[in-house]
Amino acid sequence: MSDSIERVQLTVGHTTFPLAPLEAVKEIEAQVLGATRAGGGFLRVTTDGGQRLSIFVASTTSIVITSNTVALDSAAADGDASVRQSQPPDVFGECDDPYDYL
């Protein structure tokens, strides 16, 4: 299991979009290059929040692709018991119903 992930951001003009974890720099670069060589075309990406973007790219479009490697906290990533919140006890009185704890 990897201890880090690559986080990619796309800036178009003055607006920056954090992209979904599966978006890759090389694929975005290829889409931009292809659209520019064709005289214009759409760049399709998904943001970190799940929104799908279609950005029209021409030779005059200003696009900056940035990426950085983010280290994962291994305790949180693998579900370590030390980071789990405690659960209510499994002890109920005579009149208690376990659903009273919801």
Protein backbone atom coordinates (compact mmCIF):
# COMPACT_ATOMS: atom_id res chain seq x y z
CA MET A 1 0.00 0.00 0.00
CA SER A 2 1.32 3.43 -0.96
CA ASP A 3 1.97 5.97 1.78
CA SER A 4 1.19 8.95 -0.47
CA ILE A 5 -1.09 10.13 -3.26
CA GLU A 6 -0.71 12.71 -6.00
CA ARG A 7 -3.10 15.68 -5.71
CA VAL A 8 -3.70 17.57 -8.96
CA GLN A 9 -5.10 21.07 -9.37
CA LEU A 10 -6.16 22.71 -12.60
CA THR A 11 -6.13 26.49 -12.94
CA VAL A 12 -7.99 27.96 -15.89
CA GLY A 13 -7.63 31.73 -16.09
CA HIS A 14 -7.95 32.79 -12.44
CA THR A 15 -10.04 29.84 -11.21
CA THR A 16 -8.47 26.80 -9.58
CA PHE A 17 -10.14 23.39 -9.39
CA PRO A 18 -8.88 20.62 -7.08
CA LEU A 19 -9.27 17.46 -9.11
CA ALA A 20 -10.43 13.97 -8.20
CA PRO A 21 -7.71 11.56 -7.04
CA LEU A 22 -7.91 9.50 -10.25
CA GLU A 23 -7.15 12.46 -12.53
CA ALA A 24 -3.59 12.16 -13.86
CA VAL A 25 -1.31 14.96 -15.07
CA LYS A 26 -0.22 13.11 -18.22
CA GLU A 27 -3.82 12.51 -19.34
CA ILE A 28 -4.77 16.15 -18.77
CA GLU A 29 -1.69 17.33 -20.66
CA ALA A 30 -2.59 15.05 -23.59
CA GLN A 31 -6.16 16.40 -23.69
CA VAL A 32 -4.96 20.02 -23.64
CA LEU A 33 -2.34 19.37 -26.32
CA GLY A 34 -4.84 17.55 -28.54
CA ALA A 35 -7.44 20.31 -28.20
CA THR A 36 -4.87 23.01 -28.97
CA ARG A 37 -3.53 21.18 -32.03
CA ALA A 38 -7.10 20.71 -33.30
CA GLY A 39 -7.73 24.44 -33.08
CA GLY A 40 -9.98 24.01 -30.04
CA GLY A 41 -11.71 21.30 -28.08
CA PHE A 42 -12.98 20.26 -24.70
CA LEU A 43 -10.94 19.21 -21.70
CA ARG A 44 -13.03 16.91 -19.50
CA VAL A 45 -12.08 16.40 -15.85
CA THR A 46 -13.76 15.59 -12.54
CA THR A 47 -13.28 17.78 -9.47
CA ASP A 48 -12.51 16.50 -6.01
CA GLY A 49 -16.17 17.04 -5.08
CA GLY A 50 -17.38 14.88 -7.99
CA GLN A 51 -18.44 17.71 -10.31
CA ARG A 52 -17.68 17.06 -13.97
CA LEU A 53 -16.15 19.91 -15.92
CA SER A 54 -15.95 20.45 -19.66
CA ILE A 55 -13.58 23.33 -20.39
CA PHE A 56 -13.21 24.64 -23.92
CA VAL A 57 -9.51 24.87 -24.73
CA ALA A 58 -8.10 27.06 -27.52
CA SER A 59 -4.59 28.27 -28.28
CA THR A 60 -5.23 31.39 -26.15
CA THR A 61 -6.53 29.54 -23.07
CA SER A 62 -4.35 29.91 -19.99
CA ILE A 63 -4.16 26.55 -18.17
CA VAL A 64 -1.83 25.64 -15.32
CA ILE A 65 -1.63 22.05 -14.05
CA THR A 66 -0.07 21.62 -10.62
CA SER A 67 0.51 18.47 -8.63
CA ASN A 68 1.95 17.65 -5.27
CA THR A 69 2.48 14.46 -3.35
CA VAL A 70 0.53 14.23 -0.12
CA ALA A 71 1.59 11.80 2.58
CA LEU A 72 -1.20 9.70 4.02
CA ASP A 73 -1.58 9.24 7.76
CA SER A 74 -1.21 5.47 7.91
CA ALA A 75 -3.14 5.16 11.18
CA ALA A 76 -6.20 6.85 9.69
CA ALA A 77 -5.82 5.23 6.27
CA ASP A 78 -5.87 1.63 7.49
CA GLY A 79 -8.58 2.04 10.12
CA ASP A 80 -6.32 1.74 13.17
CA ALA A 81 -8.39 1.17 16.31
CA SER A 82 -6.65 4.06 18.09
CA VAL A 83 -8.40 6.60 15.84
CA ARG A 84 -11.88 5.08 16.12
CA GLN A 85 -14.36 6.77 18.37
CA SER A 86 -15.65 4.81 21.32
CA GLN A 87 -19.02 3.11 21.04
CA PRO A 88 -21.73 3.07 23.73
CA PRO A 89 -21.53 0.04 26.02
CA ASP A 90 -23.46 -3.09 25.12
CA VAL A 91 -25.03 -3.22 28.58
CA PHE A 92 -28.74 -2.42 28.83
CA GLY A 93 -31.05 -2.16 31.81
CA GLU A 94 -34.42 -3.94 32.19
CA CYS A 95 -36.40 -1.21 30.44
CA ASP A 96 -33.69 -0.16 28.04
CA ASP A 97 -33.90 -0.91 24.38
CA PRO A 98 -30.62 -0.92 22.40
CA TYR A 99 -32.27 1.49 19.94
CA ASP A 100 -32.48 4.12 22.68
CA TYR A 101 -28.81 4.82 22.01
CA LEU A 102 -29.34 5.91 18.39
